[in-house]
PDB file of all heavy atoms in Angstrom:
ATOM      1  N   ALA A   1    -147.983 -14.904 186.246  1.00  0.00           N
ATOM      2  CA  ALA A   1    -148.770 -14.048 187.130  1.00  0.00           C
ATOM      3  C   ALA A   1    -150.194 -13.890 186.648  1.00  0.00           C
ATOM      4  O   ALA A   1    -151.129 -13.853 187.435  1.00  0.00           O
ATOM      5  CB  ALA A   1    -148.099 -12.665 187.258  1.00  0.00           C
ATOM      6  N   ALA A   2    -150.379 -13.779 185.328  1.00  0.00           N
ATOM      7  CA  ALA A   2    -151.718 -13.538 184.790  1.00  0.00           C
ATOM      8  C   ALA A   2    -152.449 -14.858 184.614  1.00  0.00           C
ATOM      9  O   ALA A   2    -151.977 -15.735 183.902  1.00  0.00           O
ATOM     10  CB  ALA A   2    -151.613 -12.813 183.446  1.00  0.00           C
ATOM     11  N   PRO A   3    -153.590 -15.076 185.264  1.00  0.00           N
ATOM     12  CA  PRO A   3    -154.347 -16.319 185.103  1.00  0.00           C
ATOM     13  C   PRO A   3    -154.952 -16.385 183.712  1.00  0.00           C
ATOM     14  O   PRO A   3    -155.192 -15.358 183.074  1.00  0.00           O
ATOM     15  CB  PRO A   3    -155.444 -16.197 186.175  1.00  0.00           C
ATOM     16  CG  PRO A   3    -155.609 -14.734 186.371  1.00  0.00           C
ATOM     17  CD  PRO A   3    -154.252 -14.131 186.158  1.00  0.00           C
ATOM     18  N   PRO A   4    -155.181 -17.583 183.213  1.00  0.00           N
ATOM     19  CA  PRO A   4    -155.798 -17.734 181.887  1.00  0.00           C
ATOM     20  C   PRO A   4    -157.142 -17.024 181.831  1.00  0.00           C
ATOM     21  O   PRO A   4    -157.993 -17.213 182.694  1.00  0.00           O
ATOM     22  CB  PRO A   4    -155.960 -19.257 181.744  1.00  0.00           C
ATOM     23  CG  PRO A   4    -154.993 -19.843 182.718  1.00  0.00           C
ATOM     24  CD  PRO A   4    -154.899 -18.867 183.843  1.00  0.00           C
ATOM     25  N   GLN A   5    -157.344 -16.210 180.831  1.00  0.00           N
ATOM     26  CA  GLN A   5    -158.553 -15.409 180.727  1.00  0.00           C
ATOM     27  C   GLN A   5    -159.752 -16.230 180.263  1.00  0.00           C
ATOM     28  O   GLN A   5    -160.883 -15.826 180.445  1.00  0.00           O
ATOM     29  CB  GLN A   5    -158.318 -14.245 179.761  1.00  0.00           C
ATOM     30  CG  GLN A   5    -157.249 -13.264 180.243  1.00  0.00           C
ATOM     31  CD  GLN A   5    -157.617 -12.625 181.576  1.00  0.00           C
ATOM     32  OE1 GLN A   5    -158.744 -12.179 181.770  1.00  0.00           O
ATOM     33  NE2 GLN A   5    -156.673 -12.597 182.506  1.00  0.00           N
ATOM     34  N   THR A   6    -159.479 -17.394 179.656  1.00  0.00           N
ATOM     35  CA  THR A   6    -160.580 -18.190 179.111  1.00  0.00           C
ATOM     36  C   THR A   6    -160.994 -19.326 180.023  1.00  0.00           C
ATOM     37  O   THR A   6    -161.862 -20.102 179.683  1.00  0.00           O
ATOM     38  CB  THR A   6    -160.175 -18.773 177.746  1.00  0.00           C
ATOM     39  OG1 THR A   6    -159.003 -19.584 177.922  1.00  0.00           O
ATOM     40  CG2 THR A   6    -159.873 -17.664 176.747  1.00  0.00           C
ATOM     41  N   ALA A   7    -160.361 -19.425 181.230  1.00  0.00           N
ATOM     42  CA  ALA A   7    -160.635 -20.568 182.091  1.00  0.00           C
ATOM     43  C   ALA A   7    -162.076 -20.624 182.545  1.00  0.00           C
ATOM     44  O   ALA A   7    -162.655 -21.686 182.673  1.00  0.00           O
ATOM     45  CB  ALA A   7    -159.696 -20.533 183.306  1.00  0.00           C
ATOM     46  N   THR A   8    -162.672 -19.458 182.845  1.00  0.00           N
ATOM     47  CA  THR A   8    -164.035 -19.434 183.374  1.00  0.00           C
ATOM     48  C   THR A   8    -165.081 -19.186 182.300  1.00  0.00           C
ATOM     49  O   THR A   8    -166.270 -19.209 182.595  1.00  0.00           O
ATOM     50  CB  THR A   8    -164.157 -18.350 184.461  1.00  0.00           C
ATOM     51  OG1 THR A   8    -163.826 -17.080 183.897  1.00  0.00           O
ATOM     52  CG2 THR A   8    -163.222 -18.647 185.631  1.00  0.00           C
ATOM     53  N   ARG A   9    -164.654 -18.931 181.069  1.00  0.00           N
ATOM     54  CA  ARG A   9    -165.621 -18.613 180.027  1.00  0.00           C
ATOM     55  C   ARG A   9    -166.555 -19.766 179.681  1.00  0.00           C
ATOM     56  O   ARG A   9    -167.747 -19.561 179.515  1.00  0.00           O
ATOM     57  CB  ARG A   9    -164.875 -18.120 178.784  1.00  0.00           C
ATOM     58  CG  ARG A   9    -164.298 -16.715 178.949  1.00  0.00           C
ATOM     59  CD  ARG A   9    -163.572 -16.273 177.696  1.00  0.00           C
ATOM     60  NE  ARG A   9    -162.957 -14.958 177.886  1.00  0.00           N
ATOM     61  CZ  ARG A   9    -162.194 -14.373 176.993  1.00  0.00           C
ATOM     62  NH1 ARG A   9    -161.936 -14.983 175.845  1.00  0.00           N
ATOM     63  NH2 ARG A   9    -161.677 -13.182 177.241  1.00  0.00           N
ATOM     64  N   PRO A  10    -166.036 -21.013 179.548  1.00  0.00           N
ATOM     65  CA  PRO A  10    -166.959 -22.105 179.230  1.00  0.00           C
ATOM     66  C   PRO A  10    -168.054 -22.282 180.267  1.00  0.00           C
ATOM     67  O   PRO A  10    -169.217 -22.490 179.928  1.00  0.00           O
ATOM     68  CB  PRO A  10    -166.028 -23.324 179.173  1.00  0.00           C
ATOM     69  CG  PRO A  10    -164.696 -22.764 178.829  1.00  0.00           C
ATOM     70  CD  PRO A  10    -164.635 -21.443 179.529  1.00  0.00           C
ATOM     71  N   ALA A  11    -167.705 -22.175 181.562  1.00  0.00           N
ATOM     72  CA  ALA A  11    -168.703 -22.322 182.614  1.00  0.00           C
ATOM     73  C   ALA A  11    -169.730 -21.199 182.551  1.00  0.00           C
ATOM     74  O   ALA A  11    -170.935 -21.423 182.696  1.00  0.00           O
ATOM     75  CB  ALA A  11    -168.025 -22.341 183.986  1.00  0.00           C
ATOM     76  N   ALA A  12    -169.256 -19.965 182.340  1.00  0.00           N
ATOM     77  CA  ALA A  12    -170.173 -18.828 182.247  1.00  0.00           C
ATOM     78  C   ALA A  12    -171.074 -18.962 181.029  1.00  0.00           C
ATOM     79  O   ALA A  12    -172.273 -18.693 181.091  1.00  0.00           O
ATOM     80  CB  ALA A  12    -169.380 -17.522 182.188  1.00  0.00           C
ATOM     81  N   ALA A  13    -170.492 -19.398 179.908  1.00  0.00           N
ATOM     82  CA  ALA A  13    -171.284 -19.571 178.693  1.00  0.00           C
ATOM     83  C   ALA A  13    -172.323 -20.659 178.877  1.00  0.00           C
ATOM     84  O   ALA A  13    -173.457 -20.540 178.407  1.00  0.00           O
ATOM     85  CB  ALA A  13    -170.355 -19.903 177.524  1.00  0.00           C
ATOM     86  N   SER A  14    -171.934 -21.727 179.591  1.00  0.00           N
ATOM     87  CA  SER A  14    -172.874 -22.824 179.839  1.00  0.00           C
ATOM     88  C   SER A  14    -174.042 -22.360 180.702  1.00  0.00           C
ATOM     89  O   SER A  14    -175.190 -22.723 180.455  1.00  0.00           O
ATOM     90  CB  SER A  14    -172.142 -23.979 180.524  1.00  0.00           C
ATOM     91  OG  SER A  14    -173.032 -25.032 180.822  1.00  0.00           O
ATOM     92  N   ALA A  15    -173.746 -21.540 181.725  1.00  0.00           N
ATOM     93  CA  ALA A  15    -174.802 -21.020 182.598  1.00  0.00           C
ATOM     94  C   ALA A  15    -175.744 -20.099 181.825  1.00  0.00           C
ATOM     95  O   ALA A  15    -176.962 -20.163 182.002  1.00  0.00           O
ATOM     96  CB  ALA A  15    -174.182 -20.273 183.780  1.00  0.00           C
ATOM     97  N   ASP A  16    -175.180 -19.254 180.966  1.00  0.00           N
ATOM     98  CA  ASP A  16    -176.010 -18.357 180.157  1.00  0.00           C
ATOM     99  C   ASP A  16    -176.893 -19.151 179.200  1.00  0.00           C
ATOM    100  O   ASP A  16    -178.057 -18.812 178.982  1.00  0.00           O
ATOM    101  CB  ASP A  16    -175.123 -17.396 179.362  1.00  0.00           C
ATOM    102  CG  ASP A  16    -174.416 -16.391 180.259  1.00  0.00           C
ATOM    103  OD1 ASP A  16    -174.865 -16.213 181.405  1.00  0.00           O
ATOM    104  OD2 ASP A  16    -173.412 -15.808 179.814  1.00  0.00           O
ATOM    105  N   GLN A  17    -176.342 -20.210 178.635  1.00  0.00           N
ATOM    106  CA  GLN A  17    -177.104 -21.043 177.711  1.00  0.00           C
ATOM    107  C   GLN A  17    -178.249 -21.738 178.434  1.00  0.00           C
ATOM    108  O   GLN A  17    -179.364 -21.822 177.922  1.00  0.00           O
ATOM    109  CB  GLN A  17    -176.197 -22.079 177.049  1.00  0.00           C
ATOM    110  CG  GLN A  17    -176.920 -22.961 176.027  1.00  0.00           C
ATOM    111  CD  GLN A  17    -175.998 -23.959 175.365  1.00  0.00           C
ATOM    112  OE1 GLN A  17    -174.818 -24.046 175.702  1.00  0.00           O
ATOM    113  NE2 GLN A  17    -176.523 -24.718 174.431  1.00  0.00           N
ATOM    114  N   ALA A  18    -177.961 -22.235 179.662  1.00  0.00           N
ATOM    115  CA  ALA A  18    -179.005 -22.894 180.450  1.00  0.00           C
ATOM    116  C   ALA A  18    -180.131 -21.914 180.781  1.00  0.00           C
ATOM    117  O   ALA A  18    -181.311 -22.271 180.705  1.00  0.00           O
ATOM    118  CB  ALA A  18    -178.403 -23.476 181.726  1.00  0.00           C
ATOM    119  N   SER A  19    -179.766 -20.678 181.139  1.00  0.00           N
ATOM    120  CA  SER A  19    -180.786 -19.669 181.452  1.00  0.00           C
ATOM    121  C   SER A  19    -181.633 -19.342 180.231  1.00  0.00           C
ATOM    122  O   SER A  19    -182.858 -19.202 180.333  1.00  0.00           O
ATOM    123  CB  SER A  19    -180.116 -18.396 181.982  1.00  0.00           C
ATOM    124  OG  SER A  19    -179.418 -18.650 183.182  1.00  0.00           O
ATOM    125  N   ALA A  20    -180.984 -19.243 179.084  1.00  0.00           N
ATOM    126  CA  ALA A  20    -181.710 -18.952 177.842  1.00  0.00           C
ATOM    127  C   ALA A  20    -182.652 -20.091 177.474  1.00  0.00           C
ATOM    128  O   ALA A  20    -183.785 -19.858 177.049  1.00  0.00           O
ATOM    129  CB  ALA A  20    -180.718 -18.690 176.701  1.00  0.00           C
ATOM    130  N   GLU A  21    -182.203 -21.326 177.670  1.00  0.00           N
ATOM    131  CA  GLU A  21    -183.051 -22.483 177.372  1.00  0.00           C
ATOM    132  C   GLU A  21    -184.259 -22.529 178.307  1.00  0.00           C
ATOM    133  O   GLU A  21    -185.379 -22.820 177.878  1.00  0.00           O
ATOM    134  CB  GLU A  21    -182.238 -23.764 177.479  1.00  0.00           C
ATOM    135  CG  GLU A  21    -181.220 -23.950 176.367  1.00  0.00           C
ATOM    136  CD  GLU A  21    -180.390 -25.208 176.536  1.00  0.00           C
ATOM    137  OE1 GLU A  21    -180.525 -25.866 177.597  1.00  0.00           O
ATOM    138  OE2 GLU A  21    -179.620 -25.544 175.625  1.00  0.00           O
ATOM    139  N   ARG A  22    -184.025 -22.246 179.597  1.00  0.00           N
ATOM    140  CA  ARG A  22    -185.138 -22.233 180.555  1.00  0.00           C
ATOM    141  C   ARG A  22    -186.174 -21.182 180.172  1.00  0.00           C
ATOM    142  O   ARG A  22    -187.375 -21.433 180.259  1.00  0.00           O
ATOM    143  CB  ARG A  22    -184.612 -21.968 181.968  1.00  0.00           C
ATOM    144  CG  ARG A  22    -183.836 -23.117 182.583  1.00  0.00           C
ATOM    145  CD  ARG A  22    -183.370 -22.762 183.985  1.00  0.00           C
ATOM    146  NE  ARG A  22    -182.649 -23.859 184.602  1.00  0.00           N
ATOM    147  CZ  ARG A  22    -182.177 -23.839 185.841  1.00  0.00           C
ATOM    148  NH1 ARG A  22    -182.346 -22.740 186.592  1.00  0.00           N
ATOM    149  NH2 ARG A  22    -181.520 -24.870 186.339  1.00  0.00           N
ATOM    150  N   LEU A  23    -185.684 -20.021 179.750  1.00  0.00           N
ATOM    151  CA  LEU A  23    -186.594 -18.944 179.366  1.00  0.00           C
ATOM    152  C   LEU A  23    -187.437 -19.351 178.161  1.00  0.00           C
ATOM    153  O   LEU A  23    -188.652 -19.137 178.132  1.00  0.00           O
ATOM    154  CB  LEU A  23    -185.790 -17.678 179.053  1.00  0.00           C
ATOM    155  CG  LEU A  23    -186.593 -16.456 178.586  1.00  0.00           C
ATOM    156  CD1 LEU A  23    -187.615 -16.054 179.631  1.00  0.00           C
ATOM    157  CD2 LEU A  23    -185.654 -15.297 178.273  1.00  0.00           C
ATOM    158  N   GLN A  24    -186.815 -19.969 177.168  1.00  0.00           N
ATOM    159  CA  GLN A  24    -187.544 -20.398 175.977  1.00  0.00           C
ATOM    160  C   GLN A  24    -188.583 -21.457 176.313  1.00  0.00           C
ATOM    161  O   GLN A  24    -189.714 -21.431 175.813  1.00  0.00           O
ATOM    162  CB  GLN A  24    -186.561 -20.925 174.930  1.00  0.00           C
ATOM    163  CG  GLN A  24    -185.680 -19.847 174.317  1.00  0.00           C
ATOM    164  CD  GLN A  24    -184.662 -20.417 173.356  1.00  0.00           C
ATOM    165  OE1 GLN A  24    -184.391 -21.619 173.352  1.00  0.00           O
ATOM    166  NE2 GLN A  24    -184.090 -19.558 172.531  1.00  0.00           N
ATOM    167  N   ILE A  25    -188.199 -22.402 177.175  1.00  0.00           N
ATOM    168  CA  ILE A  25    -189.131 -23.461 177.569  1.00  0.00           C
ATOM    169  C   ILE A  25    -190.308 -22.878 178.344  1.00  0.00           C
ATOM    170  O   ILE A  25    -191.465 -23.259 178.134  1.00  0.00           O
ATOM    171  CB  ILE A  25    -188.406 -24.531 178.414  1.00  0.00           C
ATOM    172  CG1 ILE A  25    -187.375 -25.263 177.555  1.00  0.00           C
ATOM    173  CG2 ILE A  25    -189.405 -25.523 178.993  1.00  0.00           C
ATOM    174  CD1 ILE A  25    -186.472 -26.195 178.349  1.00  0.00           C
ATOM    175  N   ALA A  26    -190.026 -21.954 179.255  1.00  0.00           N
ATOM    176  CA  ALA A  26    -191.088 -21.340 180.056  1.00  0.00           C
ATOM    177  C   ALA A  26    -192.081 -20.597 179.177  1.00  0.00           C
ATOM    178  O   ALA A  26    -193.300 -20.671 179.379  1.00  0.00           O
ATOM    179  CB  ALA A  26    -190.484 -20.397 181.094  1.00  0.00           C
ATOM    180  N   MET A  27    -191.579 -19.859 178.183  1.00  0.00           N
ATOM    181  CA  MET A  27    -192.455 -19.077 177.318  1.00  0.00           C
ATOM    182  C   MET A  27    -193.299 -19.959 176.400  1.00  0.00           C
ATOM    183  O   MET A  27    -194.390 -19.574 175.991  1.00  0.00           O
ATOM    184  CB  MET A  27    -191.627 -18.080 176.501  1.00  0.00           C
ATOM    185  CG  MET A  27    -191.041 -16.950 177.329  1.00  0.00           C
ATOM    186  SD  MET A  27    -190.336 -15.610 176.318  1.00  0.00           S
ATOM    187  CE  MET A  27    -189.020 -16.479 175.470  1.00  0.00           C
ATOM    188  N   SER A  28    -192.793 -21.148 176.076  1.00  0.00           N
ATOM    189  CA  SER A  28    -193.527 -22.024 175.167  1.00  0.00           C
ATOM    190  C   SER A  28    -194.400 -23.047 175.886  1.00  0.00           C
ATOM    191  O   SER A  28    -195.163 -23.767 175.251  1.00  0.00           O
ATOM    192  CB  SER A  28    -192.537 -22.771 174.260  1.00  0.00           C
ATOM    193  OG  SER A  28    -191.692 -23.622 175.025  1.00  0.00           O
ATOM    194  N   SER A  29    -194.301 -23.117 177.226  1.00  0.00           N
ATOM    195  CA  SER A  29    -195.053 -24.110 177.994  1.00  0.00           C
ATOM    196  C   SER A  29    -196.338 -23.509 178.556  1.00  0.00           C
ATOM    197  O   SER A  29    -196.334 -22.413 179.114  1.00  0.00           O
ATOM    198  CB  SER A  29    -194.191 -24.639 179.140  1.00  0.00           C
ATOM    199  OG  SER A  29    -194.936 -25.490 179.982  1.00  0.00           O
ATOM    200  N   ILE A  30    -197.433 -24.260 178.425  1.00  0.00           N
ATOM    201  CA  ILE A  30    -198.700 -23.789 178.988  1.00  0.00           C
ATOM    202  C   ILE A  30    -198.807 -24.099 180.474  1.00  0.00           C
ATOM    203  O   ILE A  30    -199.724 -23.618 181.146  1.00  0.00           O
ATOM    204  CB  ILE A  30    -199.903 -24.407 178.247  1.00  0.00           C
ATOM    205  CG1 ILE A  30    -199.881 -25.947 178.392  1.00  0.00           C
ATOM    206  CG2 ILE A  30    -199.905 -24.000 176.791  1.00  0.00           C
ATOM    207  CD1 ILE A  30    -201.118 -26.616 177.826  1.00  0.00           C
ATOM    208  N   GLU A  31    -197.891 -24.905 181.004  1.00  0.00           N
ATOM    209  CA  GLU A  31    -197.953 -25.285 182.411  1.00  0.00           C
ATOM    210  C   GLU A  31    -196.918 -24.589 183.281  1.00  0.00           C
ATOM    211  O   GLU A  31    -196.830 -24.874 184.481  1.00  0.00           O
ATOM    212  CB  GLU A  31    -197.790 -26.804 182.562  1.00  0.00           C
ATOM    213  CG  GLU A  31    -196.435 -27.332 182.123  1.00  0.00           C
ATOM    214  CD  GLU A  31    -196.288 -28.820 182.393  1.00  0.00           C
ATOM    215  OE1 GLU A  31    -197.196 -29.411 183.008  1.00  0.00           O
ATOM    216  OE2 GLU A  31    -195.256 -29.388 181.999  1.00  0.00           O
ATOM    217  N   TYR A  32    -196.129 -23.670 182.696  1.00  0.00           N
ATOM    218  CA  TYR A  32    -195.127 -23.005 183.522  1.00  0.00           C
ATOM    219  C   TYR A  32    -195.807 -22.234 184.645  1.00  0.00           C
ATOM    220  O   TYR A  32    -196.625 -21.338 184.394  1.00  0.00           O
ATOM    221  CB  TYR A  32    -194.258 -22.047 182.699  1.00  0.00           C
ATOM    222  CG  TYR A  32    -193.228 -21.340 183.558  1.00  0.00           C
ATOM    223  CD1 TYR A  32    -192.112 -22.007 184.034  1.00  0.00           C
ATOM    224  CD2 TYR A  32    -193.416 -20.011 183.945  1.00  0.00           C
ATOM    225  CE1 TYR A  32    -191.180 -21.381 184.855  1.00  0.00           C
ATOM    226  CE2 TYR A  32    -192.493 -19.373 184.763  1.00  0.00           C
ATOM    227  CZ  TYR A  32    -191.377 -20.065 185.210  1.00  0.00           C
ATOM    228  OH  TYR A  32    -190.468 -19.443 186.044  1.00  0.00           O
ATOM    229  N   PRO A  33    -195.493 -22.542 185.905  1.00  0.00           N
ATOM    230  CA  PRO A  33    -196.147 -21.857 187.023  1.00  0.00           C
ATOM    231  C   PRO A  33    -195.486 -20.526 187.354  1.00  0.00           C
ATOM    232  O   PRO A  33    -194.277 -20.368 187.202  1.00  0.00           O
ATOM    233  CB  PRO A  33    -195.963 -22.852 188.179  1.00  0.00           C
ATOM    234  CG  PRO A  33    -194.657 -23.521 187.866  1.00  0.00           C
ATOM    235  CD  PRO A  33    -194.569 -23.591 186.363  1.00  0.00           C
ATOM    236  N   VAL A  34    -196.289 -19.584 187.783  1.00  0.00           N
ATOM    237  CA  VAL A  34    -195.728 -18.329 188.290  1.00  0.00           C
ATOM    238  C   VAL A  34    -194.822 -18.680 189.468  1.00  0.00           C
ATOM    239  O   VAL A  34    -195.223 -19.374 190.393  1.00  0.00           O
ATOM    240  CB  VAL A  34    -196.837 -17.364 188.735  1.00  0.00           C
ATOM    241  CG1 VAL A  34    -196.240 -16.116 189.368  1.00  0.00           C
ATOM    242  CG2 VAL A  34    -197.713 -16.993 187.547  1.00  0.00           C
ATOM    243  N   THR A  35    -193.585 -18.199 189.426  1.00  0.00           N
ATOM    244  CA  THR A  35    -192.570 -18.599 190.397  1.00  0.00           C
ATOM    245  C   THR A  35    -191.943 -17.370 191.039  1.00  0.00           C
ATOM    246  O   THR A  35    -191.633 -16.400 190.330  1.00  0.00           O
ATOM    247  CB  THR A  35    -191.473 -19.429 189.701  1.00  0.00           C
ATOM    248  OG1 THR A  35    -192.076 -20.547 189.047  1.00  0.00           O
ATOM    249  CG2 THR A  35    -190.441 -19.925 190.695  1.00  0.00           C
ATOM    250  N   PRO A  36    -191.760 -17.356 192.354  1.00  0.00           N
ATOM    251  CA  PRO A  36    -191.086 -16.227 192.996  1.00  0.00           C
ATOM    252  C   PRO A  36    -189.747 -15.919 192.342  1.00  0.00           C
ATOM    253  O   PRO A  36    -189.001 -16.824 191.983  1.00  0.00           O
ATOM    254  CB  PRO A  36    -190.903 -16.702 194.438  1.00  0.00           C
ATOM    255  CG  PRO A  36    -192.053 -17.634 194.657  1.00  0.00           C
ATOM    256  CD  PRO A  36    -192.235 -18.350 193.351  1.00  0.00           C
ATOM    257  N   SER A  37    -189.471 -14.651 192.184  1.00  0.00           N
ATOM    258  CA  SER A  37    -188.289 -14.063 191.527  1.00  0.00           C
ATOM    259  C   SER A  37    -188.375 -14.096 190.011  1.00  0.00           C
ATOM    260  O   SER A  37    -187.424 -13.682 189.334  1.00  0.00           O
ATOM    261  CB  SER A  37    -186.973 -14.703 192.002  1.00  0.00           C
ATOM    262  OG  SER A  37    -186.782 -16.002 191.484  1.00  0.00           O
ATOM    263  N   ASP A  38    -189.509 -14.550 189.453  1.00  0.00           N
ATOM    264  CA  ASP A  38    -189.749 -14.347 188.016  1.00  0.00           C
ATOM    265  C   ASP A  38    -189.760 -12.850 187.730  1.00  0.00           C
ATOM    266  O   ASP A  38    -190.237 -12.049 188.548  1.00  0.00           O
ATOM    267  CB  ASP A  38    -191.112 -14.912 187.599  1.00  0.00           C
ATOM    268  CG  ASP A  38    -191.071 -16.406 187.328  1.00  0.00           C
ATOM    269  OD1 ASP A  38    -189.978 -16.995 187.361  1.00  0.00           O
ATOM    270  OD2 ASP A  38    -192.151 -16.982 187.081  1.00  0.00           O
ATOM    271  N   VAL A  39    -189.273 -12.462 186.567  1.00  0.00           N
ATOM    272  CA  VAL A  39    -189.329 -11.064 186.132  1.00  0.00           C
ATOM    273  C   VAL A  39    -190.086 -11.009 184.813  1.00  0.00           C
ATOM    274  O   VAL A  39    -189.725 -11.700 183.857  1.00  0.00           O
ATOM    275  CB  VAL A  39    -187.927 -10.452 185.959  1.00  0.00           C
ATOM    276  CG1 VAL A  39    -188.035  -9.010 185.469  1.00  0.00           C
ATOM    277  CG2 VAL A  39    -187.156 -10.511 187.273  1.00  0.00           C
ATOM    278  N   TYR A  40    -191.160 -10.211 184.766  1.00  0.00           N
ATOM    279  CA  TYR A  40    -191.979 -10.063 183.566  1.00  0.00           C
ATOM    280  C   TYR A  40    -191.874  -8.636 183.043  1.00  0.00           C
ATOM    281  O   TYR A  40    -191.579  -7.703 183.794  1.00  0.00           O
ATOM    282  CB  TYR A  40    -193.454 -10.379 183.869  1.00  0.00           C
ATOM    283  CG  TYR A  40    -193.682 -11.725 184.521  1.00  0.00           C
ATOM    284  CD1 TYR A  40    -194.652 -11.875 185.518  1.00  0.00           C
ATOM    285  CD2 TYR A  40    -192.939 -12.843 184.159  1.00  0.00           C
ATOM    286  CE1 TYR A  40    -194.870 -13.105 186.119  1.00  0.00           C
ATOM    287  CE2 TYR A  40    -193.148 -14.068 184.754  1.00  0.00           C
ATOM    288  CZ  TYR A  40    -194.113 -14.195 185.739  1.00  0.00           C
ATOM    289  OH  TYR A  40    -194.323 -15.414 186.328  1.00  0.00           O
ATOM    290  N   ILE A  41    -192.138  -8.491 181.759  1.00  0.00           N
ATOM    291  CA  ILE A  41    -192.171  -7.175 181.122  1.00  0.00           C
ATOM    292  C   ILE A  41    -193.585  -6.924 180.600  1.00  0.00           C
ATOM    293  O   ILE A  41    -194.117  -7.734 179.841  1.00  0.00           O
ATOM    294  CB  ILE A  41    -191.159  -7.069 179.966  1.00  0.00           C
ATOM    295  CG1 ILE A  41    -189.733  -7.227 180.493  1.00  0.00           C
ATOM    296  CG2 ILE A  41    -191.306  -5.737 179.244  1.00  0.00           C
ATOM    297  CD1 ILE A  41    -189.301  -6.132 181.445  1.00  0.00           C
ATOM    298  N   LEU A  42    -194.179  -5.813 181.021  1.00  0.00           N
ATOM    299  CA  LEU A  42    -195.518  -5.435 180.580  1.00  0.00           C
ATOM    300  C   LEU A  42    -195.415  -4.211 179.665  1.00  0.00           C
ATOM    301  O   LEU A  42    -194.933  -3.158 180.074  1.00  0.00           O
ATOM    302  CB  LEU A  42    -196.407  -5.112 181.785  1.00  0.00           C
ATOM    303  CG  LEU A  42    -197.803  -4.586 181.475  1.00  0.00           C
ATOM    304  CD1 LEU A  42    -198.618  -5.623 180.714  1.00  0.00           C
ATOM    305  CD2 LEU A  42    -198.522  -4.171 182.762  1.00  0.00           C
ATOM    306  N   ASN A  43    -195.852  -4.379 178.428  1.00  0.00           N
ATOM    307  CA  ASN A  43    -195.899  -3.276 177.464  1.00  0.00           C
ATOM    308  C   ASN A  43    -197.352  -2.930 177.162  1.00  0.00           C
ATOM    309  O   ASN A  43    -198.172  -3.834 176.955  1.00  0.00           O
ATOM    310  CB  ASN A  43    -195.191  -3.675 176.158  1.00  0.00           C
ATOM    311  CG  ASN A  43    -193.693  -3.836 176.341  1.00  0.00           C
ATOM    312  OD1 ASN A  43    -192.987  -2.900 176.686  1.00  0.00           O
ATOM    313  ND2 ASN A  43    -193.196  -5.044 176.108  1.00  0.00           N
ATOM    314  N   TYR A  44    -197.669  -1.634 177.145  1.00  0.00           N
ATOM    315  CA  TYR A  44    -199.026  -1.200 176.813  1.00  0.00           C
ATOM    316  C   TYR A  44    -198.981   0.248 176.328  1.00  0.00           C
ATOM    317  O   TYR A  44    -197.980   0.954 176.503  1.00  0.00           O
ATOM    318  CB  TYR A  44    -199.961  -1.332 178.022  1.00  0.00           C
ATOM    319  CG  TYR A  44    -199.607  -0.449 179.193  1.00  0.00           C
ATOM    320  CD1 TYR A  44    -200.244   0.779 179.387  1.00  0.00           C
ATOM    321  CD2 TYR A  44    -198.642  -0.839 180.121  1.00  0.00           C
ATOM    322  CE1 TYR A  44    -199.922   1.589 180.456  1.00  0.00           C
ATOM    323  CE2 TYR A  44    -198.310  -0.035 181.196  1.00  0.00           C
ATOM    324  CZ  TYR A  44    -198.957   1.174 181.357  1.00  0.00           C
ATOM    325  OH  TYR A  44    -198.619   1.974 182.422  1.00  0.00           O
ATOM    326  N   ARG A  45    -200.067   0.670 175.712  1.00  0.00           N
ATOM    327  CA  ARG A  45    -200.166   2.032 175.193  1.00  0.00           C
ATOM    328  C   ARG A  45    -201.184   2.810 176.010  1.00  0.00           C
ATOM    329  O   ARG A  45    -202.304   2.343 176.225  1.00  0.00           O
ATOM    330  CB  ARG A  45    -200.580   2.020 173.720  1.00  0.00           C
ATOM    331  CG  ARG A  45    -200.686   3.420 173.094  1.00  0.00           C
ATOM    332  CD  ARG A  45    -201.113   3.332 171.647  1.00  0.00           C
ATOM    333  NE  ARG A  45    -200.120   2.623 170.830  1.00  0.00           N
ATOM    334  CZ  ARG A  45    -200.289   2.340 169.553  1.00  0.00           C
ATOM    335  NH1 ARG A  45    -201.425   2.681 168.937  1.00  0.00           N
ATOM    336  NH2 ARG A  45    -199.346   1.707 168.885  1.00  0.00           N
ATOM    337  N   GLN A  46    -200.782   3.988 176.461  1.00  0.00           N
ATOM    338  CA  GLN A  46    -201.680   4.837 177.227  1.00  0.00           C
ATOM    339  C   GLN A  46    -202.677   5.529 176.289  1.00  0.00           C
ATOM    340  O   GLN A  46    -202.534   5.508 175.061  1.00  0.00           O
ATOM    341  CB  GLN A  46    -200.890   5.878 178.012  1.00  0.00           C
ATOM    342  CG  GLN A  46    -200.099   5.292 179.172  1.00  0.00           C
ATOM    343  CD  GLN A  46    -199.419   6.361 179.990  1.00  0.00           C
ATOM    344  OE1 GLN A  46    -198.962   7.375 179.464  1.00  0.00           O
ATOM    345  NE2 GLN A  46    -199.353   6.158 181.307  1.00  0.00           N
TER     346      GLN A  46
END
């Protein structure tokens, strides 16, 4: 009755790894274009 709990973990881990790699490449690339649905964090002191 209980489906294997680890069946979807490799796919989810692979997707998370791909997202992390894309983020690292974007931050290190001087040509990464501003893209719709990008999320940025702005830190500053008042």
